[in-house]
Structures are given as structure tokens and as C-alpha cells.
Protein backbone atom coordinates (compact mmCIF):
# COMPACT_ATOMS: atom_id res chain seq x y z
CA MET A 1 17.70 35.49 -20.73
CA LYS A 2 14.70 33.98 -18.93
CA LEU A 3 15.91 30.50 -19.84
CA LYS A 4 19.42 31.18 -18.53
CA PHE A 5 17.96 32.62 -15.32
CA LEU A 6 15.86 29.49 -14.79
CA LEU A 7 18.86 27.26 -15.38
CA ALA A 8 20.90 29.27 -12.90
CA LEU A 9 18.09 29.04 -10.36
CA LEU A 10 17.87 25.24 -10.74
CA SER A 11 21.63 24.95 -10.33
CA ALA A 12 21.52 27.08 -7.19
CA MET A 13 18.74 24.93 -5.74
CA PHE A 14 20.73 21.78 -6.42
CA ALA A 15 23.88 23.30 -4.89
CA ALA A 16 21.93 24.31 -1.78
CA THR A 17 20.64 20.78 -1.44
CA GLN A 18 24.18 19.43 -1.62
CA PHE A 19 25.33 21.98 0.97
CA VAL A 20 22.82 20.91 3.65
CA SER A 21 23.01 17.20 2.88
CA ALA A 22 25.25 16.63 5.89
CA GLU A 23 22.30 17.53 8.15
CA LEU A 24 19.81 15.24 6.42
CA ILE A 25 18.46 12.01 7.88
CA GLU A 26 20.15 9.24 5.90
CA LEU A 27 18.16 6.02 5.49
CA ASN A 28 18.54 2.84 3.49
CA LEU A 29 15.73 0.40 2.66
CA ASP A 30 16.12 -1.65 5.86
CA ASP A 31 16.02 1.53 7.94
CA CYS A 32 12.80 2.61 6.23
CA ILE A 33 11.16 -0.78 6.74
CA ASP A 34 12.11 -0.85 10.44
CA LEU A 35 10.66 2.64 10.93
CA ALA A 36 7.48 1.71 9.07
CA LEU A 37 6.95 -1.41 11.18
CA LYS A 38 7.40 0.70 14.29
CA ASN A 39 5.46 3.85 13.38
CA ASN A 40 2.91 3.06 10.67
CA ARG A 41 -0.67 3.92 11.67
CA THR A 42 -2.21 0.98 9.81
CA ILE A 43 -0.14 -1.47 11.84
CA GLU A 44 -1.12 0.35 15.01
CA GLN A 45 -4.81 0.01 14.14
CA SER A 46 -4.44 -3.67 13.25
CA ALA A 47 -2.67 -4.27 16.57
CA GLU A 48 -5.60 -2.70 18.42
CA LEU A 49 -7.99 -5.03 16.59
CA ARG A 50 -5.87 -7.90 17.89
CA GLU A 51 -6.09 -6.45 21.41
CA ASN A 52 -9.86 -6.21 21.07
CA ALA A 53 -10.08 -9.86 20.00
CA LYS A 54 -7.94 -10.88 22.99
CA TRP A 55 -10.33 -9.25 25.47
CA VAL A 56 -13.38 -10.75 23.77
CA LEU A 57 -11.82 -14.17 24.33
CA LYS A 58 -11.16 -13.37 27.99
CA ARG A 59 -14.76 -12.26 28.43
CA TYR A 60 -16.09 -15.59 27.17
CA ARG A 61 -13.64 -17.53 29.30
CA ARG A 62 -14.71 -15.63 32.41
CA ALA A 63 -18.34 -16.45 31.62
CA THR A 64 -17.65 -20.12 32.51
CA GLY A 65 -16.66 -19.28 36.09
CA PRO A 66 -18.53 -18.31 39.27
CA SER A 67 -20.30 -15.02 39.82
CA LEU A 68 -21.44 -13.24 42.98
CA THR A 69 -24.09 -10.53 42.92
CA TRP A 70 -25.49 -8.29 45.60
CA THR A 71 -28.76 -6.43 45.19
CA SER A 72 -30.10 -3.98 47.69
CA ALA A 73 -33.20 -1.79 47.97
CA VAL A 74 -34.78 0.56 50.52
CA ASN A 75 -38.53 1.22 50.80
CA LYS A 76 -40.93 2.97 53.11
CA ILE A 77 -43.50 0.35 54.10
CA GLY A 78 -47.08 0.19 55.42
CA GLY A 79 -50.36 -1.76 55.28
CA LYS A 80 -52.29 -4.18 57.51
CA ASP A 81 -49.53 -6.76 57.54
CA TYR A 82 -47.02 -4.32 58.95
CA GLU A 83 -49.59 -2.83 61.36
CA THR A 84 -50.01 -6.31 62.86
CA ARG A 85 -46.24 -6.67 63.15
CA ARG A 86 -45.93 -3.32 64.83
CA ALA A 87 -48.60 -4.28 67.37
CA ASN A 88 -46.74 -7.49 68.25
CA SER A 89 -43.24 -6.06 68.52
CA ASP A 90 -41.29 -3.13 69.74
CA SER A 91 -40.31 -2.05 66.22
CA ASN A 92 -41.99 0.70 64.28
CA TYR A 93 -41.59 -1.17 60.97
CA LYS A 94 -41.52 2.03 58.91
CA HIS A 95 -38.69 1.05 56.52
CA ALA A 96 -37.44 -2.07 54.79
CA PHE A 97 -33.83 -2.45 53.74
CA ASP A 98 -33.69 -5.51 51.45
CA ASN A 99 -30.39 -7.30 50.69
CA THR A 100 -29.78 -10.35 48.56
CA LEU A 101 -26.49 -12.15 47.97
CA ARG A 102 -26.47 -14.70 45.15
CA PHE A 103 -23.62 -17.01 44.17
CA SER A 104 -23.99 -18.77 40.81
CA TYR A 105 -21.87 -21.28 38.92
CA PRO A 106 -22.72 -22.53 35.39
CA LEU A 107 -22.80 -26.32 35.20
CA TYR A 108 -24.16 -26.90 31.71
CA SER A 109 -24.78 -24.46 28.86
CA GLY A 110 -25.60 -26.86 26.06
CA GLY A 111 -22.17 -26.15 24.57
CA LYS A 112 -22.75 -22.39 24.33
CA ASN A 113 -19.86 -21.37 26.58
CA GLU A 114 -17.41 -23.83 25.05
CA ASN A 115 -18.27 -22.83 21.49
CA ASN A 116 -18.17 -19.12 22.34
CA ILE A 117 -14.62 -19.63 23.63
CA ALA A 118 -13.61 -21.61 20.53
CA SER A 119 -15.12 -18.96 18.26
CA ALA A 120 -13.34 -16.14 20.10
CA GLU A 121 -10.05 -18.08 19.98
CA LEU A 122 -10.35 -18.44 16.20
CA ASN A 123 -11.15 -14.76 15.97
CA LEU A 124 -7.94 -13.99 17.87
CA ASN A 125 -6.02 -16.34 15.54
CA SER A 126 -7.38 -14.41 12.56
CA ALA A 127 -6.39 -11.14 14.21
CA ASP A 128 -2.80 -12.40 14.59
CA LEU A 129 -2.65 -13.35 10.91
CA ASN A 130 -4.32 -10.12 9.81
CA LEU A 131 -1.70 -8.17 11.74
CA GLU A 132 1.04 -10.12 9.94
CA ASN A 133 -0.71 -9.45 6.62
CA THR A 134 -0.88 -5.75 7.44
CA LYS A 135 2.84 -5.69 8.19
CA GLN A 136 3.59 -7.42 4.90
CA GLN A 137 1.50 -4.83 3.04
CA VAL A 138 3.27 -1.97 4.84
CA VAL A 139 6.64 -3.47 3.87
CA LEU A 140 5.49 -3.62 0.24
CA ASP A 141 4.20 -0.03 0.31
CA THR A 142 7.39 1.20 1.96
CA THR A 143 9.62 -0.67 -0.50
CA SER A 144 7.65 0.68 -3.47
CA ALA A 145 7.86 4.23 -2.11
CA TYR A 146 11.59 3.84 -1.41
CA TYR A 147 12.33 2.75 -4.97
CA ASP A 148 10.07 5.48 -6.32
CA VAL A 149 12.32 8.01 -4.56
CA LEU A 150 15.41 6.37 -6.05
CA ARG A 151 13.88 6.25 -9.53
CA ASN A 152 13.01 9.96 -9.48
CA LYS A 153 16.41 10.76 -8.01
CA ASN A 154 18.07 9.00 -10.95
CA LEU A 155 15.71 10.64 -13.42
CA ILE A 156 16.63 14.06 -12.02
CA THR A 157 20.26 13.28 -12.86
CA VAL A 158 19.22 12.20 -16.37
CA LYS A 159 17.20 15.36 -16.89
CA GLU A 160 19.98 17.59 -15.53
CA ASN A 161 22.47 15.98 -17.89
CA THR A 162 20.02 16.48 -20.74
CA VAL A 163 19.67 20.17 -19.88
CA ASN A 164 23.45 20.57 -19.74
CA LEU A 165 23.92 18.81 -23.10
CA LEU A 166 21.24 20.94 -24.73
CA GLN A 167 22.68 24.13 -23.26
CA LYS A 168 26.12 23.27 -24.67
CA HIS A 169 24.54 22.44 -28.00
CA LEU A 170 22.64 25.73 -28.02
CA ASP A 171 25.88 27.60 -27.35
CA GLN A 172 27.47 25.72 -30.25
CA VAL A 173 24.55 26.49 -32.58
CA THR A 174 24.66 30.14 -31.59
CA SER A 175 28.38 30.34 -32.44
CA LYS A 176 27.76 28.72 -35.82
CA PHE A 177 24.88 31.07 -36.55
CA GLN A 178 27.02 34.12 -35.73
CA ILE A 179 29.53 33.12 -38.42
CA GLY A 180 26.72 32.29 -40.86
CA VAL A 181 27.21 28.53 -40.96
CA VAL A 182 23.70 27.51 -39.80
CA PRO A 183 20.27 29.09 -40.23
CA GLY A 184 18.40 30.90 -37.43
CA SER A 185 15.82 28.11 -37.32
CA ASP A 186 18.48 25.90 -35.69
CA ILE A 187 18.71 28.37 -32.79
CA LEU A 188 14.92 28.44 -32.38
CA SER A 189 14.54 24.66 -32.42
CA SER A 190 17.44 24.26 -29.98
CA LYS A 191 15.87 26.78 -27.57
CA VAL A 192 12.53 24.98 -27.75
CA GLN A 193 14.22 21.66 -27.07
CA LEU A 194 16.08 23.15 -24.11
CA ALA A 195 12.93 24.75 -22.69
CA ASN A 196 11.12 21.42 -22.91
CA ALA A 197 14.00 19.72 -21.11
CA VAL A 198 13.94 22.32 -18.33
CA GLN A 199 10.19 21.83 -17.95
CA SER A 200 10.69 18.06 -17.75
CA LEU A 201 13.36 18.57 -15.08
CA VAL A 202 11.01 20.70 -12.97
CA THR A 203 8.28 18.05 -13.26
CA THR A 204 10.67 15.28 -12.24
CA GLN A 205 11.89 17.32 -9.27
CA ASN A 206 8.28 17.71 -8.18
CA ASP A 207 7.71 13.95 -8.57
CA TYR A 208 10.77 13.36 -6.39
CA ASP A 209 9.49 15.69 -3.68
CA ASN A 210 6.11 13.96 -3.68
CA ALA A 211 7.72 10.51 -3.56
CA LEU A 212 9.83 11.63 -0.61
CA ALA A 213 6.74 12.94 1.19
CA THR A 214 4.91 9.66 0.58
CA LEU A 215 7.82 7.67 2.00
CA SER A 216 8.06 9.95 5.05
CA ASN A 217 4.36 9.41 5.71
CA LEU A 218 4.67 5.63 5.46
CA ILE A 219 7.59 5.38 7.87
CA GLY A 220 6.06 7.77 10.38
CA LEU A 221 8.47 10.69 10.02
CA PRO A 222 7.40 14.33 9.65
CA ILE A 223 6.87 15.25 6.00
CA SER A 224 9.83 17.46 5.13
CA ASP A 225 12.84 17.65 2.85
CA ASP A 226 15.23 16.50 5.60
CA LEU A 227 15.45 12.95 4.31
CA LEU A 228 18.20 11.43 2.21
CA ILE A 229 17.76 8.01 0.65
CA LYS A 230 20.99 6.06 0.37
CA ASN A 231 21.98 3.28 -2.01
CA THR A 232 20.99 2.82 -5.64
CA MET A 233 18.64 0.52 -7.49
CA SER A 234 20.24 -2.77 -8.41
CA TYR A 235 19.40 -5.95 -10.28
CA GLN A 236 19.81 -9.47 -8.90
CA LYS A 237 18.46 -12.36 -10.92
CA PHE A 238 15.49 -14.17 -9.37
CA ALA A 239 15.94 -17.93 -9.75
CA VAL A 240 12.73 -19.44 -8.23
CA ASN A 241 10.16 -20.82 -10.68
CA LEU A 242 6.46 -19.94 -10.74
CA GLN A 243 5.17 -23.26 -9.35
CA ASP A 244 7.46 -23.07 -6.33
CA CYS A 245 6.33 -19.51 -5.68
CA THR A 246 2.66 -20.57 -5.87
CA ASP A 247 3.14 -23.56 -3.57
CA TYR A 248 4.93 -21.35 -1.06
CA ALA A 249 2.11 -18.80 -1.17
CA PHE A 250 -0.57 -21.40 -0.43
CA LYS A 251 1.38 -22.37 2.68
CA TYR A 252 2.46 -18.94 3.91
CA ARG A 253 -0.11 -16.35 2.86
CA PRO A 254 -1.63 -15.18 6.18
CA ASP A 255 -4.87 -14.00 4.57
CA GLY A 256 -5.40 -17.48 3.10
CA ILE A 257 -5.13 -19.19 6.50
CA SER A 258 -7.15 -16.40 8.13
CA ALA A 259 -9.97 -17.01 5.64
CA LEU A 260 -9.96 -20.68 6.69
CA TYR A 261 -10.15 -19.67 10.36
CA ALA A 262 -13.15 -17.48 9.51
CA VAL A 263 -14.92 -20.57 8.13
CA LYS A 264 -14.18 -22.55 11.29
CA LYS A 265 -15.36 -19.64 13.45
CA ALA A 266 -18.66 -19.56 11.54
CA GLU A 267 -19.12 -23.27 12.31
CA LYS A 268 -18.64 -22.56 16.02
CA ASP A 269 -21.11 -19.66 15.83
CA ILE A 270 -23.73 -22.06 14.46
CA ALA A 271 -23.12 -24.39 17.40
CA VAL A 272 -23.57 -21.43 19.79
CA VAL A 273 -26.99 -20.66 18.31
CA LYS A 274 -28.05 -24.31 18.38
CA SER A 275 -27.26 -24.44 22.09
CA ASN A 276 -30.33 -22.24 22.67
CA ARG A 277 -32.40 -25.40 22.11
CA LEU A 278 -30.78 -27.09 25.11
CA PRO A 279 -31.27 -26.50 28.85
CA GLN A 280 -29.05 -24.16 30.84
CA VAL A 281 -28.13 -25.45 34.31
CA ASN A 282 -26.58 -23.36 37.11
CA ALA A 283 -25.73 -24.09 40.72
CA GLN A 284 -26.97 -21.29 42.97
CA VAL A 285 -26.68 -20.27 46.61
CA SER A 286 -28.47 -17.17 47.85
CA ARG A 287 -29.25 -15.38 51.08
CA THR A 288 -31.93 -12.73 51.51
CA PHE A 289 -32.43 -10.59 54.59
CA ASN A 290 -34.19 -7.30 55.35
CA GLY A 291 -34.74 -5.09 58.30
CA GLU A 292 -35.46 -1.66 59.67
CA LYS A 293 -31.87 -0.55 59.15
CA VAL A 294 -29.41 -1.05 56.32
CA PHE A 295 -28.00 -4.48 57.21
CA ASP A 296 -30.57 -5.59 59.80
CA ASN A 297 -32.37 -8.90 59.49
CA ASP A 298 -35.14 -8.23 62.01
CA HIS A 299 -37.84 -8.36 59.31
CA ASN A 300 -36.75 -11.48 57.47
CA ASP A 301 -33.69 -13.72 56.96
CA ASN A 302 -33.46 -16.83 54.74
CA TRP A 303 -31.11 -18.71 52.43
CA THR A 304 -31.46 -21.16 49.56
CA ALA A 305 -29.12 -23.55 47.79
CA GLY A 306 -29.76 -25.70 44.76
CA LEU A 307 -29.92 -25.86 40.98
CA SER A 308 -31.65 -23.58 38.51
CA ILE A 309 -32.64 -24.93 35.11
CA SER A 310 -33.96 -22.92 32.18
CA TRP A 311 -35.08 -24.50 28.93
CA ASN A 312 -36.44 -22.59 26.00
CA VAL A 313 -38.96 -25.24 24.99
CA PHE A 314 -40.67 -23.21 22.26
CA ASP A 315 -39.51 -19.88 20.83
CA ASN A 316 -41.68 -19.77 17.72
CA ASN A 317 -38.74 -20.96 15.55
CA VAL A 318 -36.56 -17.95 16.39
CA THR A 319 -33.57 -20.24 17.00
CA SER A 320 -34.17 -22.07 13.72
CA ALA A 321 -34.12 -18.76 11.87
CA GLN A 322 -30.87 -17.79 13.59
CA VAL A 323 -29.34 -21.14 12.60
CA GLN A 324 -30.30 -20.60 8.96
CA GLU A 325 -28.89 -17.07 9.13
CA ASN A 326 -25.54 -18.34 10.42
CA GLU A 327 -25.45 -21.19 7.92
CA ALA A 328 -25.82 -18.63 5.11
CA THR A 329 -22.88 -16.75 6.64
CA LEU A 330 -20.91 -20.00 6.71
CA ARG A 331 -21.55 -20.64 3.01
CA ARG A 332 -20.50 -17.10 2.17
CA LEU A 333 -17.25 -17.47 4.12
CA GLN A 334 -16.55 -20.81 2.43
CA SER A 335 -16.88 -19.00 -0.90
CA VAL A 336 -14.61 -16.21 0.38
CA TYR A 337 -12.01 -18.81 1.34
CA GLU A 338 -12.05 -20.35 -2.16
CA GLN A 339 -11.91 -16.88 -3.71
CA THR A 340 -8.94 -16.00 -1.50
CA ARG A 341 -7.02 -19.04 -2.70
CA GLU A 342 -7.82 -18.13 -6.31
CA LYS A 343 -6.62 -14.58 -5.65
CA ILE A 344 -3.40 -15.89 -4.08
CA GLU A 345 -2.61 -17.85 -7.26
CA LEU A 346 -3.47 -14.84 -9.43
CA ASP A 347 -1.39 -12.43 -7.32
CA VAL A 348 1.65 -14.70 -7.54
CA ARG A 349 1.32 -15.20 -11.29
CA LYS A 350 0.92 -11.48 -12.03
CA ALA A 351 3.82 -10.46 -9.80
CA TYR A 352 6.01 -13.21 -11.24
CA ASN A 353 5.16 -12.25 -14.84
CA ASN A 354 5.87 -8.58 -14.08
CA LEU A 355 9.20 -9.56 -12.55
CA ILE A 356 10.29 -11.58 -15.58
CA ALA A 357 9.17 -8.86 -18.00
CA SER A 358 11.05 -6.21 -16.02
CA GLU A 359 14.16 -8.39 -16.01
CA LYS A 360 14.05 -8.65 -19.80
CA ASN A 361 13.54 -4.89 -20.10
CA ILE A 362 16.60 -4.21 -17.94
CA LEU A 363 18.82 -6.20 -20.28
CA THR A 364 17.25 -4.58 -23.35
CA THR A 365 17.46 -1.01 -22.07
CA GLN A 366 21.07 -1.42 -20.94
CA THR A 367 22.02 -2.06 -24.55
CA ALA A 368 19.70 0.70 -25.77
CA VAL A 369 21.40 3.28 -23.53
CA LYS A 370 24.82 2.47 -24.97
CA GLN A 371 23.51 2.58 -28.53
CA ALA A 372 21.61 5.83 -28.01
CA GLU A 373 24.65 7.46 -26.41
CA GLU A 374 26.79 6.47 -29.38
CA GLU A 375 24.15 7.70 -31.82
CA TYR A 376 24.05 11.07 -30.06
CA ARG A 377 27.85 11.34 -30.14
CA ILE A 378 27.92 10.59 -33.88
CA ALA A 379 25.13 13.10 -34.58
CA GLN A 380 26.97 15.75 -32.60
CA VAL A 381 30.27 15.11 -34.46
CA LYS A 382 28.53 15.21 -37.83
CA TYR A 383 26.86 18.50 -36.90
CA ASP A 384 30.20 19.95 -35.78
CA GLU A 385 31.73 18.99 -39.14
CA GLY A 386 28.83 20.45 -41.06
CA VAL A 387 27.62 17.17 -42.57
CA GLY A 388 24.72 16.61 -40.17
CA THR A 389 21.58 18.56 -39.32
CA ASN A 390 20.34 20.08 -36.08
CA LEU A 391 17.26 17.88 -36.36
CA GLU A 392 19.43 14.76 -36.24
CA VAL A 393 21.11 16.03 -33.05
CA MET A 394 17.74 16.81 -31.43
CA ASP A 395 16.35 13.41 -32.41
CA ALA A 396 19.42 11.57 -31.09
CA GLN A 397 19.29 13.51 -27.84
CA GLU A 398 15.63 12.58 -27.31
CA LYS A 399 16.40 8.91 -27.90
CA PHE A 400 19.31 9.06 -25.48
CA THR A 401 17.17 10.62 -22.73
CA GLU A 402 14.34 8.17 -23.42
CA ALA A 403 16.69 5.19 -23.26
CA GLN A 404 18.08 6.28 -19.89
CA THR A 405 14.58 6.90 -18.58
CA ASN A 406 13.47 3.47 -19.76
CA TYR A 407 16.45 1.84 -18.07
CA PHE A 408 15.79 3.37 -14.67
CA THR A 409 12.07 2.65 -15.03
CA ALA A 410 12.86 -1.00 -15.78
CA LEU A 411 15.09 -1.16 -12.70
CA TYR A 412 12.30 0.38 -10.61
CA ASN A 413 9.70 -2.03 -12.01
CA TYR A 414 11.95 -5.01 -11.32
CA ASN A 415 12.60 -4.11 -7.69
CA VAL A 416 8.96 -3.25 -7.02
CA SER A 417 7.81 -6.45 -8.78
CA LYS A 418 10.17 -8.42 -6.53
CA ALA A 419 8.58 -6.78 -3.49
CA GLN A 420 5.12 -7.49 -4.88
CA LEU A 421 6.05 -11.14 -5.39
CA ASP A 422 7.30 -11.35 -1.79
CA LYS A 423 3.93 -10.00 -0.64
CA ALA A 424 2.01 -12.33 -2.97
CA MET A 425 3.96 -15.30 -1.59
CA GLY A 426 3.50 -14.23 2.03
CA VAL A 427 7.20 -13.99 2.87
CA PRO A 428 7.17 -13.64 6.70
CA ILE A 429 7.85 -10.33 8.40
CA TYR A 430 7.17 -11.01 12.08
CA ILE A 431 5.82 -14.56 12.44
CA ASP A 432 6.20 -17.85 10.59
CA VAL A 433 2.61 -18.48 9.57
CA VAL A 434 3.16 -22.21 9.01
CA LEU A 435 4.50 -22.67 12.55
CA TYR A 436 1.62 -20.59 13.89
CA ASP A 437 -0.98 -22.73 12.11
CA GLU A 438 0.69 -25.94 13.27
CA SER A 439 0.46 -24.73 16.87
CA VAL A 440 -3.22 -23.91 16.42
CA GLN A 441 -3.92 -27.33 14.89
CA ASN A 442 -2.17 -28.93 17.88
CA GLY A 443 -4.58 -27.17 20.25
CA LYS A 444 -2.27 -24.41 21.44
CA SER A 445 -3.71 -21.09 22.54
CA ALA A 446 -3.32 -18.03 20.32
CA ASP A 447 -0.78 -16.50 22.71
CA LEU A 448 1.33 -19.64 22.74
CA ALA A 449 1.03 -20.10 18.97
CA LEU A 450 2.24 -16.52 18.54
CA LYS A 451 5.15 -17.04 20.91
CA ASN A 452 6.22 -20.23 19.11
CA SER A 453 6.12 -18.64 15.65
CA ILE A 454 7.90 -15.29 16.14
CA LEU A 455 10.92 -15.14 13.86
CA ASP A 456 14.30 -15.37 15.57
CA ASP A 457 15.41 -11.91 14.42
CA ARG A 458 12.25 -10.37 15.90
CA LYS A 459 12.50 -11.98 19.36
């Protein structure tokens, strides 16, 4: 009775889901990806890092231009000098309002300003590529979550069919037992098998709910049950060979090119530190005046114009230590770059191998499903005719359910492996990385390189 009640409850839940499906948000894979690219928090954070890098670059560019400063101070004054002034003038000379205006323009920084700008530009280039890499990862995560929902949705159907088959078989066994054809142990084993199937259905339903919640989180929608994933998992043969995939990845992986930019940035940072050994030259014009009142010049008024030169002749080898520090950073980043290229090759090979293996499993499990279904039909007929055992029916049913599960798992693995291979190859999402890098190599600014490389369907 408890088992029948649970089955009725599951059926009612499924019927209720079907009833409200018209009010659900229906999404396909492209819809989910578009929402993820628009709403995902990781992309938002990566975009803010790009914004930060842009303002750092502007700060260094502004440092090469003129500056104007005004300093002011007010003091109560006294002493013999001011007593003499008071005696020789009509002023009381009790206060001094000091004002200084200074205009400065850098003429020579030993390469510091230029290399700071170049370093910040490379940092902005890396931020652009890291944003693209983040978007590619979000697309992979979204695609994996989407197919996980579809897989569990299909498995729910498999498990529901299994429960229905076992319930029909239990009814059949019960009828045979009532007329004394089969022993009571057949009823017990059939009930156990049915209970296990119901438990498996509940677990799969829970997996589906969790997969749906994960997908909702990735695409930036409230976590709820009001989401319906359209379409089904499909199989399309992948015809590109491994070497072509690897060559493509070396050209298009944004993290690979970003790692190279990090090396170049480290070289510029070394040049910035070395500039501390060279003189710094500025053109300066200043005017200083002070008086009894805020902007008076009755006490003093003078101006100067000329050059200021500062040269750190000896700093007790502080600069040398900083150079060695940055050179160690450069060597580390060179190693990171080589490691990144090795990882790119490994990522492509693993994703490609997984894709090929999944493809083989799809073809194998398709045949296995047909064979297992036929085996179950034969076992059921033999049991009906009294020449087969209940154990044979149970065993055939388990194989049939397992074969269907393996088929949908193979389909899921294939589609996810294809998405993983796209990510491993660096298939563009927003910008063409090769065009971006070509613009950078031709001396274009990061903003212009970005503009030139945005994909046509994203403009």
C-alpha cells in the first residue's frame, strides 16, 4: 500500500508539472548562453578588472603632461625682522598669508614614463584577453549545466518507464501467485525491485532539480522551478583531427597570448626600475607672494622659471636589488608562459580523446539498448508462458535500464566533451584573438585593437 501511494504521489507531481508547463520560462542552449554572457557575475568581475586596467593606463599617460599646483599657508608672525619692517612702514605685519603657484612639465624621465605607459597598455591587453577567456569558460560551464539538465530529464523518463514496467510485472506476478502458478518469493523479489526503482527515480528527480538550479545560477535567473529546457541531446560527428585542433588552440587561446603579454609587461617593468639610475628633468615656472591679507603681496612677491634636475647618484644599491627582483619575476612569467602552452596542448588532447571515446560509446550503447529491450521482451514472454523465471525478467529489466542510462550518459559526455574542446581550442565568443594580437603587434592601442577584433555578430 505504501508503495502504491508513493507511485501515485510521483504521478501526481509529474502531472502537476505538465499542467503548469505553459507558464514556465522556455530556453534553448543559445538562450542560456546569451543570458549567461549578460548576467554572469564572473564576467561582471572580469569586466571591472578591465576597467581598472584602463584607468591605470590613463593615470600613467596623464603623468607625462603638465601639472599646476597651488600651496597656501597662514601664520602669525613676529621677531626682530618684522619689528624693523613695522617701524619702516604703515603695516602692522602681524600675519603672513603665503601663496605659491608652480607649473611643471616633465622633459625627461629616463624612460620611466614611456615604459610605465607601455606596461599599463600590456596590462590592459591582458585584461581584454582575460575577459574573453572568462566568457569562454562561462559558455563551457553553461553548456555543461544545460546538458546536465537534459541528461537528468531523459533519465527521469527512463526511470519512470522502469517503474511502470516493474509495476505491471508485479501485477502479473501477483495474478500468477493467486492461482498458484508461481511461488511467493517472486512477489517479494518483484516488490524489492520496484522499490529500488522508485528510490532511483526519486534520486534522479533530485539530481534534475539540482542541475536546474545550477543552470539558473549560471545564467543569472532566480533559482526556482520555473524553467523549462527545450530541445534534446543530439549527436553530430566531429570531423577535425587532433593536430588541427592543437594548431588552432596555439593561435586562438586567449590565456596563451595573455601569458605572453605578461612576459612583455615584466620586461617593461624592469626598464621602469632601471630608469631610477637616470636623471629626471622638469621645466618649472613658479610664483610666490605673501602679505598681510589672503592674496596680498605687500610682504614679498617673486617668480622663477627654469629647469629642475634630480639624479639619484647613489642609493646604496636599492635600484640594483629592485632590478634583480623584477628579473626574477620575468623568469617566473617566462616559465608560466611555457607551462601555459604545455597546458593548452594537454587540454586539447584530453578533450579530443574524451570526444572520440564518447562518440564510440554512443554507437555501442545504441545497439545495446535495442538488444537489451529485445532481451527483456523475450524474458517477459517466457515468464508469461511459464518457461522462464522471475529472476530472468528482473535481470533483463536491469540490463535494459542500464543500457538506456549508458546511452544518455554517452550523449551527455559527447556534447560536454565537444564544449570542452571548443574551450580548449579557444573558439571565440566575443573577440577574434588573432585579429586582436595582430592589432597590438602593429602598435594599435588596446581600445582600437578591441574595436577591430569584435566579432560581427557581437557588434
